[in-house]
PDB file of N, CA and C in Angstrom:
ATOM      1  N   UNK A   1     -42.803 -90.609  27.113  1.00  0.00           N
ATOM      2  CA  UNK A   1     -42.892 -90.074  25.763  1.00  0.00           C
ATOM      3  C   UNK A   1     -44.301 -89.520  25.573  1.00  0.00           C
ATOM      4  N   UNK A   2     -44.375 -88.326  24.995  1.00  0.00           N
ATOM      5  CA  UNK A   2     -45.663 -87.683  24.776  1.00  0.00           C
ATOM      6  C   UNK A   2     -46.397 -88.270  23.586  1.00  0.00           C
ATOM      7  N   UNK A   3     -47.664 -87.917  23.507  1.00  0.00           N
ATOM      8  CA  UNK A   3     -48.495 -88.420  22.414  1.00  0.00           C
ATOM      9  C   UNK A   3     -47.991 -87.950  21.054  1.00  0.00           C
ATOM     10  N   UNK A   4     -47.529 -86.701  20.987  1.00  0.00           N
ATOM     11  CA  UNK A   4     -47.058 -86.195  19.697  1.00  0.00           C
ATOM     12  C   UNK A   4     -45.780 -86.904  19.262  1.00  0.00           C
ATOM     13  N   UNK A   5     -44.913 -87.249  20.213  1.00  0.00           N
ATOM     14  CA  UNK A   5     -43.692 -87.987  19.877  1.00  0.00           C
ATOM     15  C   UNK A   5     -44.044 -89.395  19.394  1.00  0.00           C
ATOM     16  N   UNK A   6     -45.002 -90.024  20.054  1.00  0.00           N
ATOM     17  CA  UNK A   6     -45.429 -91.364  19.644  1.00  0.00           C
ATOM     18  C   UNK A   6     -46.040 -91.330  18.244  1.00  0.00           C
ATOM     19  N   UNK A   7     -46.830 -90.293  17.968  1.00  0.00           N
ATOM     20  CA  UNK A   7     -47.437 -90.162  16.639  1.00  0.00           C
ATOM     21  C   UNK A   7     -46.365 -89.959  15.578  1.00  0.00           C
ATOM     22  N   UNK A   8     -45.355 -89.155  15.907  1.00  0.00           N
ATOM     23  CA  UNK A   8     -44.262 -88.915  14.949  1.00  0.00           C
ATOM     24  C   UNK A   8     -43.496 -90.205  14.661  1.00  0.00           C
ATOM     25  N   UNK A   9     -43.269 -91.004  15.681  1.00  0.00           N
ATOM     26  CA  UNK A   9     -42.574 -92.280  15.490  1.00  0.00           C
ATOM     27  C   UNK A   9     -43.412 -93.210  14.621  1.00  0.00           C
ATOM     28  N   UNK A  10     -44.717 -93.269  14.884  1.00  0.00           N
ATOM     29  CA  UNK A  10     -45.606 -94.120  14.094  1.00  0.00           C
ATOM     30  C   UNK A  10     -45.594 -93.702  12.626  1.00  0.00           C
ATOM     31  N   UNK A  11     -45.662 -92.409  12.374  1.00  0.00           N
ATOM     32  CA  UNK A  11     -45.651 -91.914  10.992  1.00  0.00           C
ATOM     33  C   UNK A  11     -44.325 -92.247  10.310  1.00  0.00           C
ATOM     34  N   UNK A  12     -43.218 -92.099  11.038  1.00  0.00           N
ATOM     35  CA  UNK A  12     -41.911 -92.434  10.472  1.00  0.00           C
ATOM     36  C   UNK A  12     -41.846 -93.922  10.116  1.00  0.00           C
ATOM     37  N   UNK A  13     -42.362 -94.778  11.004  1.00  0.00           N
ATOM     38  CA  UNK A  13     -42.387 -96.226  10.732  1.00  0.00           C
ATOM     39  C   UNK A  13     -43.252 -96.529   9.510  1.00  0.00           C
ATOM     40  N   UNK A  14     -44.361 -95.811   9.369  1.00  0.00           N
ATOM     41  CA  UNK A  14     -45.219 -96.017   8.211  1.00  0.00           C
ATOM     42  C   UNK A  14     -44.491 -95.626   6.928  1.00  0.00           C
ATOM     43  N   UNK A  15     -43.770 -94.524   6.953  1.00  0.00           N
ATOM     44  CA  UNK A  15     -42.979 -94.109   5.782  1.00  0.00           C
ATOM     45  C   UNK A  15     -41.949 -95.184   5.429  1.00  0.00           C
ATOM     46  N   UNK A  16     -41.314 -95.747   6.443  1.00  0.00           N
ATOM     47  CA  UNK A  16     -40.323 -96.800   6.202  1.00  0.00           C
ATOM     48  C   UNK A  16     -40.972 -98.025   5.554  1.00  0.00           C
ATOM     49  N   UNK A  17     -42.155 -98.409   6.048  1.00  0.00           N
ATOM     50  CA  UNK A  17     -42.866 -99.551   5.457  1.00  0.00           C
ATOM     51  C   UNK A  17     -43.217 -99.280   3.998  1.00  0.00           C
ATOM     52  N   UNK A  18     -43.721 -98.091   3.723  1.00  0.00           N
ATOM     53  CA  UNK A  18     -44.089 -97.728   2.354  1.00  0.00           C
ATOM     54  C   UNK A  18     -42.858 -97.824   1.446  1.00  0.00           C
ATOM     55  N   UNK A  19     -41.715 -97.357   1.941  1.00  0.00           N
ATOM     56  CA  UNK A  19     -40.481 -97.441   1.152  1.00  0.00           C
ATOM     57  C   UNK A  19     -40.073 -98.886   0.890  1.00  0.00           C
ATOM     58  N   UNK A  20     -40.264 -99.773   1.870  1.00  0.00           N
ATOM     59  CA  UNK A  20     -39.976-101.198   1.661  1.00  0.00           C
ATOM     60  C   UNK A  20     -40.817-101.744   0.501  1.00  0.00           C
ATOM     61  N   UNK A  21     -42.090-101.407   0.487  1.00  0.00           N
ATOM     62  CA  UNK A  21     -42.971-101.883  -0.585  1.00  0.00           C
ATOM     63  C   UNK A  21     -42.552-101.306  -1.931  1.00  0.00           C
ATOM     64  N   UNK A  22     -42.226-100.030  -1.963  1.00  0.00           N
ATOM     65  CA  UNK A  22     -41.800 -99.402  -3.216  1.00  0.00           C
ATOM     66  C   UNK A  22     -40.521-100.048  -3.741  1.00  0.00           C
ATOM     67  N   UNK A  23     -39.536-100.205  -2.861  1.00  0.00           N
ATOM     68  CA  UNK A  23     -38.256-100.775  -3.278  1.00  0.00           C
ATOM     69  C   UNK A  23     -38.406-102.209  -3.764  1.00  0.00           C
ATOM     70  N   UNK A  24     -39.361-102.935  -3.189  1.00  0.00           N
ATOM     71  CA  UNK A  24     -39.603-104.314  -3.604  1.00  0.00           C
ATOM     72  C   UNK A  24     -40.491-104.381  -4.847  1.00  0.00           C
ATOM     73  N   UNK A  25     -41.055-103.245  -5.238  1.00  0.00           N
ATOM     74  CA  UNK A  25     -41.945-103.226  -6.395  1.00  0.00           C
ATOM     75  C   UNK A  25     -43.314-103.810  -6.114  1.00  0.00           C
ATOM     76  N   UNK A  26     -43.675-103.907  -4.827  1.00  0.00           N
ATOM     77  CA  UNK A  26     -44.965-104.485  -4.438  1.00  0.00           C
ATOM     78  C   UNK A  26     -46.028-103.384  -4.454  1.00  0.00           C
ATOM     79  N   UNK A  27     -46.422-102.999  -5.663  1.00  0.00           N
ATOM     80  CA  UNK A  27     -47.348-101.880  -5.824  1.00  0.00           C
ATOM     81  C   UNK A  27     -48.603-102.258  -6.619  1.00  0.00           C
ATOM     82  N   UNK A  28     -48.832-103.543  -6.765  1.00  0.00           N
ATOM     83  CA  UNK A  28     -50.038-104.014  -7.446  1.00  0.00           C
ATOM     84  C   UNK A  28     -50.356-105.415  -6.924  1.00  0.00           C
ATOM     85  N   UNK A  29     -51.586-105.874  -7.130  1.00  0.00           N
ATOM     86  CA  UNK A  29     -51.928-107.225  -6.653  1.00  0.00           C
ATOM     87  C   UNK A  29     -51.011-108.313  -7.223  1.00  0.00           C
ATOM     88  N   UNK A  30     -50.580-108.148  -8.463  1.00  0.00           N
ATOM     89  CA  UNK A  30     -49.733-109.172  -9.074  1.00  0.00           C
ATOM     90  C   UNK A  30     -48.306-109.175  -8.526  1.00  0.00           C
ATOM     91  N   UNK A  31     -47.895-108.075  -7.896  1.00  0.00           N
ATOM     92  CA  UNK A  31     -46.539-108.010  -7.339  1.00  0.00           C
ATOM     93  C   UNK A  31     -46.540-108.028  -5.812  1.00  0.00           C
ATOM     94  N   UNK A  32     -47.664-108.424  -5.214  1.00  0.00           N
ATOM     95  CA  UNK A  32     -47.802-108.432  -3.752  1.00  0.00           C
ATOM     96  C   UNK A  32     -46.774-109.356  -3.117  1.00  0.00           C
ATOM     97  N   UNK A  33     -46.336-108.972  -1.901  1.00  0.00           N
ATOM     98  CA  UNK A  33     -45.327-109.742  -1.176  1.00  0.00           C
ATOM     99  C   UNK A  33     -45.779-109.932   0.266  1.00  0.00           C
ATOM    100  N   UNK A  34     -45.211-110.914   0.908  1.00  0.00           N
ATOM    101  CA  UNK A  34     -45.495-111.132   2.333  1.00  0.00           C
ATOM    102  C   UNK A  34     -44.572-110.250   3.162  1.00  0.00           C
ATOM    103  N   UNK A  35     -44.924-110.069   4.413  1.00  0.00           N
ATOM    104  CA  UNK A  35     -44.079-109.257   5.294  1.00  0.00           C
ATOM    105  C   UNK A  35     -42.710-109.907   5.467  1.00  0.00           C
ATOM    106  N   UNK A  36     -42.659-111.223   5.498  1.00  0.00           N
ATOM    107  CA  UNK A  36     -41.357-111.890   5.641  1.00  0.00           C
ATOM    108  C   UNK A  36     -40.510-111.714   4.383  1.00  0.00           C
ATOM    109  N   UNK A  37     -41.150-111.709   3.206  1.00  0.00           N
ATOM    110  CA  UNK A  37     -40.403-111.431   1.960  1.00  0.00           C
ATOM    111  C   UNK A  37     -39.774-110.036   2.002  1.00  0.00           C
ATOM    112  N   UNK A  38     -40.500-109.093   2.602  1.00  0.00           N
ATOM    113  CA  UNK A  38     -40.029-107.713   2.672  1.00  0.00           C
ATOM    114  C   UNK A  38     -39.083-107.471   3.844  1.00  0.00           C
ATOM    115  N   UNK A  39     -39.026-108.420   4.767  1.00  0.00           N
ATOM    116  CA  UNK A  39     -38.177-108.264   5.943  1.00  0.00           C
ATOM    117  C   UNK A  39     -38.707-107.248   6.941  1.00  0.00           C
ATOM    118  N   UNK A  40     -40.039-107.163   7.040  1.00  0.00           N
ATOM    119  CA  UNK A  40     -40.664-106.233   7.979  1.00  0.00           C
ATOM    120  C   UNK A  40     -41.573-106.998   8.932  1.00  0.00           C
ATOM    121  N   UNK A  41     -41.902-106.338  10.038  1.00  0.00           N
ATOM    122  CA  UNK A  41     -42.777-106.943  11.042  1.00  0.00           C
ATOM    123  C   UNK A  41     -44.166-106.328  10.968  1.00  0.00           C
ATOM    124  N   UNK A  42     -45.167-107.131  11.237  1.00  0.00           N
ATOM    125  CA  UNK A  42     -46.554-106.662  11.215  1.00  0.00           C
ATOM    126  C   UNK A  42     -46.923-106.134  12.596  1.00  0.00           C
ATOM    127  N   UNK A  43     -46.489-104.915  12.864  1.00  0.00           N
ATOM    128  CA  UNK A  43     -46.776-104.283  14.149  1.00  0.00           C
ATOM    129  C   UNK A  43     -47.783-103.162  13.954  1.00  0.00           C
ATOM    130  N   UNK A  44     -47.757-102.184  14.856  1.00  0.00           N
ATOM    131  CA  UNK A  44     -48.769-101.118  14.848  1.00  0.00           C
ATOM    132  C   UNK A  44     -48.784-100.329  13.541  1.00  0.00           C
ATOM    133  N   UNK A  45     -47.621 -99.921  13.045  1.00  0.00           N
ATOM    134  CA  UNK A  45     -47.576 -99.139  11.802  1.00  0.00           C
ATOM    135  C   UNK A  45     -48.195 -99.937  10.659  1.00  0.00           C
ATOM    136  N   UNK A  46     -47.881-101.210  10.586  1.00  0.00           N
ATOM    137  CA  UNK A  46     -48.441-102.100   9.561  1.00  0.00           C
ATOM    138  C   UNK A  46     -49.962-102.157   9.699  1.00  0.00           C
ATOM    139  N   UNK A  47     -50.428-102.405  10.921  1.00  0.00           N
ATOM    140  CA  UNK A  47     -51.875-102.542  11.155  1.00  0.00           C
ATOM    141  C   UNK A  47     -52.636-101.289  10.754  1.00  0.00           C
ATOM    142  N   UNK A  48     -52.068-100.131  11.065  1.00  0.00           N
ATOM    143  CA  UNK A  48     -52.731 -98.877  10.714  1.00  0.00           C
ATOM    144  C   UNK A  48     -52.782 -98.692   9.201  1.00  0.00           C
ATOM    145  N   UNK A  49     -51.703 -99.053   8.510  1.00  0.00           N
ATOM    146  CA  UNK A  49     -51.691 -98.920   7.049  1.00  0.00           C
ATOM    147  C   UNK A  49     -52.688 -99.882   6.404  1.00  0.00           C
ATOM    148  N   UNK A  50     -52.826-101.068   6.973  1.00  0.00           N
ATOM    149  CA  UNK A  50     -53.825-102.019   6.464  1.00  0.00           C
ATOM    150  C   UNK A  50     -55.225-101.474   6.726  1.00  0.00           C
ATOM    151  N   UNK A  51     -55.446-100.980   7.937  1.00  0.00           N
ATOM    152  CA  UNK A  51     -56.753-100.416   8.304  1.00  0.00           C
ATOM    153  C   UNK A  51     -57.147 -99.254   7.393  1.00  0.00           C
ATOM    154  N   UNK A  52     -56.160 -98.421   7.039  1.00  0.00           N
ATOM    155  CA  UNK A  52     -56.418 -97.251   6.204  1.00  0.00           C
ATOM    156  C   UNK A  52     -56.424 -97.569   4.715  1.00  0.00           C
ATOM    157  N   UNK A  53     -56.232 -98.833   4.351  1.00  0.00           N
ATOM    158  CA  UNK A  53     -56.292 -99.242   2.948  1.00  0.00           C
ATOM    159  C   UNK A  53     -55.040 -98.914   2.153  1.00  0.00           C
ATOM    160  N   UNK A  54     -53.966 -98.548   2.834  1.00  0.00           N
ATOM    161  CA  UNK A  54     -52.714 -98.242   2.145  1.00  0.00           C
ATOM    162  C   UNK A  54     -52.008 -99.540   1.755  1.00  0.00           C
ATOM    163  N   UNK A  55     -51.995-100.495   2.669  1.00  0.00           N
ATOM    164  CA  UNK A  55     -51.502-101.839   2.356  1.00  0.00           C
ATOM    165  C   UNK A  55     -52.725-102.719   2.150  1.00  0.00           C
ATOM    166  N   UNK A  56     -52.792-103.310   0.985  1.00  0.00           N
ATOM    167  CA  UNK A  56     -53.965-104.134   0.643  1.00  0.00           C
ATOM    168  C   UNK A  56     -53.546-105.592   0.470  1.00  0.00           C
ATOM    169  N   UNK A  57     -54.388-106.471   0.987  1.00  0.00           N
ATOM    170  CA  UNK A  57     -54.108-107.897   0.852  1.00  0.00           C
ATOM    171  C   UNK A  57     -54.530-108.357  -0.531  1.00  0.00           C
ATOM    172  N   UNK A  58     -53.606-109.028  -1.205  1.00  0.00           N
ATOM    173  CA  UNK A  58     -53.899-109.538  -2.557  1.00  0.00           C
ATOM    174  C   UNK A  58     -54.319-110.994  -2.458  1.00  0.00           C
ATOM    175  N   UNK A  59     -53.412-111.829  -2.054  1.00  0.00           N
ATOM    176  CA  UNK A  59     -53.695-113.241  -1.804  1.00  0.00           C
ATOM    177  C   UNK A  59     -53.397-113.473  -0.333  1.00  0.00           C
ATOM    178  N   UNK A  60     -53.738-114.623   0.160  1.00  0.00           N
ATOM    179  CA  UNK A  60     -53.534-114.934   1.576  1.00  0.00           C
ATOM    180  C   UNK A  60     -52.108-114.611   2.026  1.00  0.00           C
ATOM    181  N   UNK A  61     -51.992-113.595   2.891  1.00  0.00           N
ATOM    182  CA  UNK A  61     -50.697-113.267   3.470  1.00  0.00           C
ATOM    183  C   UNK A  61     -49.779-112.418   2.609  1.00  0.00           C
ATOM    184  N   UNK A  62     -50.246-111.980   1.441  1.00  0.00           N
ATOM    185  CA  UNK A  62     -49.420-111.101   0.615  1.00  0.00           C
ATOM    186  C   UNK A  62     -50.115-109.753   0.467  1.00  0.00           C
ATOM    187  N   UNK A  63     -49.302-108.709   0.462  1.00  0.00           N
ATOM    188  CA  UNK A  63     -49.825-107.350   0.455  1.00  0.00           C
ATOM    189  C   UNK A  63     -49.101-106.511  -0.590  1.00  0.00           C
ATOM    190  N   UNK A  64     -49.766-105.433  -0.999  1.00  0.00           N
ATOM    191  CA  UNK A  64     -49.149-104.486  -1.917  1.00  0.00           C
ATOM    192  C   UNK A  64     -49.516-103.076  -1.472  1.00  0.00           C
ATOM    193  N   UNK A  65     -48.728-102.126  -1.925  1.00  0.00           N
ATOM    194  CA  UNK A  65     -48.928-100.720  -1.596  1.00  0.00           C
ATOM    195  C   UNK A  65     -49.917-100.097  -2.571  1.00  0.00           C
ATOM    196  N   UNK A  66     -50.965 -99.500  -2.041  1.00  0.00           N
ATOM    197  CA  UNK A  66     -51.912 -98.727  -2.844  1.00  0.00           C
ATOM    198  C   UNK A  66     -51.455 -97.271  -2.771  1.00  0.00           C
ATOM    199  N   UNK A  67     -50.734 -96.835  -3.797  1.00  0.00           N
ATOM    200  CA  UNK A  67     -50.148 -95.487  -3.807  1.00  0.00           C
ATOM    201  C   UNK A  67     -51.197 -94.398  -3.648  1.00  0.00           C
ATOM    202  N   UNK A  68     -52.338 -94.550  -4.294  1.00  0.00           N
ATOM    203  CA  UNK A  68     -53.360 -93.500  -4.205  1.00  0.00           C
ATOM    204  C   UNK A  68     -53.912 -93.394  -2.780  1.00  0.00           C
ATOM    205  N   UNK A  69     -54.034 -94.517  -2.085  1.00  0.00           N
ATOM    206  CA  UNK A  69     -54.488 -94.486  -0.690  1.00  0.00           C
ATOM    207  C   UNK A  69     -53.427 -93.835   0.199  1.00  0.00           C
ATOM    208  N   UNK A  70     -52.152 -94.055  -0.112  1.00  0.00           N
ATOM    209  CA  UNK A  70     -51.065 -93.433   0.646  1.00  0.00           C
ATOM    210  C   UNK A  70     -51.091 -91.912   0.468  1.00  0.00           C
ATOM    211  N   UNK A  71     -51.301 -91.459  -0.765  1.00  0.00           N
ATOM    212  CA  UNK A  71     -51.391 -90.021  -1.038  1.00  0.00           C
ATOM    213  C   UNK A  71     -52.600 -89.434  -0.302  1.00  0.00           C
ATOM    214  N   UNK A  72     -53.733 -90.128  -0.349  1.00  0.00           N
ATOM    215  CA  UNK A  72     -54.945 -89.645   0.318  1.00  0.00           C
ATOM    216  C   UNK A  72     -54.741 -89.561   1.832  1.00  0.00           C
ATOM    217  N   UNK A  73     -54.034 -90.524   2.408  1.00  0.00           N
ATOM    218  CA  UNK A  73     -53.762 -90.497   3.844  1.00  0.00           C
ATOM    219  C   UNK A  73     -52.901 -89.281   4.190  1.00  0.00           C
ATOM    220  N   UNK A  74     -51.915 -88.981   3.371  1.00  0.00           N
ATOM    221  CA  UNK A  74     -51.085 -87.800   3.594  1.00  0.00           C
ATOM    222  C   UNK A  74     -51.894 -86.517   3.531  1.00  0.00           C
ATOM    223  N   UNK A  75     -52.808 -86.439   2.574  1.00  0.00           N
ATOM    224  CA  UNK A  75     -53.669 -85.255   2.448  1.00  0.00           C
ATOM    225  C   UNK A  75     -54.572 -85.114   3.674  1.00  0.00           C
ATOM    226  N   UNK A  76     -55.094 -86.233   4.138  1.00  0.00           N
ATOM    227  CA  UNK A  76     -55.957 -86.228   5.319  1.00  0.00           C
ATOM    228  C   UNK A  76     -55.176 -85.735   6.543  1.00  0.00           C
ATOM    229  N   UNK A  77     -53.938 -86.197   6.682  1.00  0.00           N
ATOM    230  CA  UNK A  77     -53.103 -85.773   7.813  1.00  0.00           C
ATOM    231  C   UNK A  77     -52.787 -84.278   7.738  1.00  0.00           C
ATOM    232  N   UNK A  78     -52.474 -83.789   6.541  1.00  0.00           N
ATOM    233  CA  UNK A  78     -52.172 -82.369   6.400  1.00  0.00           C
ATOM    234  C   UNK A  78     -53.403 -81.512   6.718  1.00  0.00           C
ATOM    235  N   UNK A  79     -54.581 -81.953   6.291  1.00  0.00           N
ATOM    236  CA  UNK A  79     -55.810 -81.222   6.589  1.00  0.00           C
ATOM    237  C   UNK A  79     -56.069 -81.203   8.091  1.00  0.00           C
ATOM    238  N   UNK A  80     -55.883 -82.319   8.743  1.00  0.00           N
ATOM    239  CA  UNK A  80     -56.074 -82.390  10.190  1.00  0.00           C
ATOM    240  C   UNK A  80     -55.102 -81.450  10.904  1.00  0.00           C
ATOM    241  N   UNK A  81     -53.853 -81.428  10.466  1.00  0.00           N
ATOM    242  CA  UNK A  81     -52.864 -80.530  11.072  1.00  0.00           C
ATOM    243  C   UNK A  81     -53.278 -79.071  10.885  1.00  0.00           C
ATOM    244  N   UNK A  82     -53.789 -78.732   9.714  1.00  0.00           N
ATOM    245  CA  UNK A  82     -54.243 -77.364   9.456  1.00  0.00           C
ATOM    246  C   UNK A  82     -55.414 -76.999  10.358  1.00  0.00           C
ATOM    247  N   UNK A  83     -56.380 -77.887  10.481  1.00  0.00           N
ATOM    248  CA  UNK A  83     -57.545 -77.632  11.329  1.00  0.00           C
ATOM    249  C   UNK A  83     -57.106 -77.454  12.782  1.00  0.00           C
ATOM    250  N   UNK A  84     -56.193 -78.291  13.248  1.00  0.00           N
ATOM    251  CA  UNK A  84     -55.703 -78.160  14.626  1.00  0.00           C
ATOM    252  C   UNK A  84     -54.960 -76.846  14.824  1.00  0.00           C
ATOM    253  N   UNK A  85     -54.169 -76.446  13.844  1.00  0.00           N
ATOM    254  CA  UNK A  85     -53.440 -75.182  13.947  1.00  0.00           C
ATOM    255  C   UNK A  85     -54.414 -74.004  14.016  1.00  0.00           C
ATOM    256  N   UNK A  86     -55.441 -74.031  13.192  1.00  0.00           N
ATOM    257  CA  UNK A  86     -56.450 -72.961  13.210  1.00  0.00           C
ATOM    258  C   UNK A  86     -57.151 -72.927  14.565  1.00  0.00           C
ATOM    259  N   UNK A  87     -57.469 -74.087  15.097  1.00  0.00           N
ATOM    260  CA  UNK A  87     -58.119 -74.174  16.407  1.00  0.00           C
ATOM    261  C   UNK A  87     -57.240 -73.573  17.499  1.00  0.00           C
ATOM    262  N   UNK A  88     -55.950 -73.901  17.475  1.00  0.00           N
ATOM    263  CA  UNK A  88     -55.028 -73.384  18.492  1.00  0.00           C
ATOM    264  C   UNK A  88     -54.918 -71.865  18.389  1.00  0.00           C
ATOM    265  N   UNK A  89     -54.810 -71.347  17.178  1.00  0.00           N
ATOM    266  CA  UNK A  89     -54.731 -69.890  16.992  1.00  0.00           C
ATOM    267  C   UNK A  89     -56.020 -69.229  17.477  1.00  0.00           C
ATOM    268  N   UNK A  90     -57.159 -69.791  17.132  1.00  0.00           N
ATOM    269  CA  UNK A  90     -58.443 -69.226  17.564  1.00  0.00           C
ATOM    270  C   UNK A  90     -58.571 -69.268  19.088  1.00  0.00           C
ATOM    271  N   UNK A  91     -58.139 -70.350  19.700  1.00  0.00           N
ATOM    272  CA  UNK A  91     -58.194 -70.471  21.151  1.00  0.00           C
ATOM    273  C   UNK A  91     -57.273 -69.442  21.813  1.00  0.00           C
ATOM    274  N   UNK A  92     -56.077 -69.269  21.269  1.00  0.00           N
ATOM    275  CA  UNK A  92     -55.146 -68.275  21.814  1.00  0.00           C
ATOM    276  C   UNK A  92     -55.724 -66.867  21.684  1.00  0.00           C
ATOM    277  N   UNK A  93     -56.343 -66.576  20.547  1.00  0.00           N
ATOM    278  CA  UNK A  93     -56.951 -65.255  20.348  1.00  0.00           C
ATOM    279  C   UNK A  93     -58.091 -65.038  21.345  1.00  0.00           C
ATOM    280  N   UNK A  94     -58.905 -66.052  21.546  1.00  0.00           N
ATOM    281  CA  UNK A  94     -60.021 -65.932  22.495  1.00  0.00           C
ATOM    282  C   UNK A  94     -59.501 -65.714  23.909  1.00  0.00           C
ATOM    283  N   UNK A  95     -58.436 -66.399  24.269  1.00  0.00           N
ATOM    284  CA  UNK A  95     -57.862 -66.231  25.606  1.00  0.00           C
ATOM    285  C   UNK A  95     -57.302 -64.817  25.785  1.00  0.00           C
ATOM    286  N   UNK A  96     -56.682 -64.272  24.750  1.00  0.00           N
ATOM    287  CA  UNK A  96     -56.153 -62.903  24.820  1.00  0.00           C
ATOM    288  C   UNK A  96     -57.280 -61.898  25.005  1.00  0.00           C
ATOM    289  N   UNK A  97     -58.373 -62.083  24.285  1.00  0.00           N
ATOM    290  CA  UNK A  97     -59.519 -61.173  24.381  1.00  0.00           C
ATOM    291  C   UNK A  97     -60.111 -61.227  25.783  1.00  0.00           C
ATOM    292  N   UNK A  98     -60.308 -62.422  26.294  1.00  0.00           N
ATOM    293  CA  UNK A  98     -60.886 -62.575  27.638  1.00  0.00           C
ATOM    294  C   UNK A  98     -59.959 -61.977  28.687  1.00  0.00           C
ATOM    295  N   UNK A  99     -58.671 -62.192  28.537  1.00  0.00           N
ATOM    296  CA  UNK A  99     -57.689 -61.653  29.489  1.00  0.00           C
ATOM    297  C   UNK A  99     -57.702 -60.124  29.470  1.00  0.00           C
ATOM    298  N   UNK A 100     -57.756 -59.538  28.298  1.00  0.00           N
ATOM    299  CA  UNK A 100     -57.784 -58.067  28.191  1.00  0.00           C
ATOM    300  C   UNK A 100     -59.068 -57.495  28.749  1.00  0.00           C
ATOM    301  N   UNK A 101     -60.180 -58.189  28.519  1.00  0.00           N
ATOM    302  CA  UNK A 101     -61.464 -57.709  29.046  1.00  0.00           C
ATOM    303  C   UNK A 101     -61.451 -57.755  30.579  1.00  0.00           C
ATOM    304  N   UNK A 102     -60.846 -58.786  31.130  1.00  0.00           N
ATOM    305  CA  UNK A 102     -60.764 -58.896  32.595  1.00  0.00           C
ATOM    306  C   UNK A 102     -59.836 -57.859  33.184  1.00  0.00           C
ATOM    307  N   UNK A 103     -58.798 -57.468  32.467  1.00  0.00           N
ATOM    308  CA  UNK A 103     -57.834 -56.483  32.972  1.00  0.00           C
ATOM    309  C   UNK A 103     -58.442 -55.091  32.994  1.00  0.00           C
ATOM    310  N   UNK A 104     -59.430 -54.830  32.152  1.00  0.00           N
ATOM    311  CA  UNK A 104     -60.070 -53.508  32.077  1.00  0.00           C
ATOM    312  C   UNK A 104     -61.008 -53.268  33.256  1.00  0.00           C
ATOM    313  N   UNK A 105     -61.444 -54.282  33.895  1.00  0.00           N
ATOM    314  CA  UNK A 105     -62.434 -54.136  34.975  1.00  0.00           C
ATOM    315  C   UNK A 105     -61.812 -53.763  36.254  1.00  0.00           C
TER     316      UNK A 105
END
């Protein structure tokens, strides 16, 4: 499996986790739930969301969804995708220019 496929799977798992929190109403410190209450496992997607501040620990072992952090993470991902797309287009353009210059000689 390629890196992009693995990243897509991770993002899909993160979306699923976020939906679990939303459906359970765990969106504030007072409504925080444990992973076992939500029926989810604390694996890579969970760890990344905790690291990025999307899932926040309220009391020992209970977490809630920080919606604003989730929105910010989505914006960050979209910006990164845009920057990568611009880089790829610029690289392709540079390769075309170099190729044409070499063909003229």
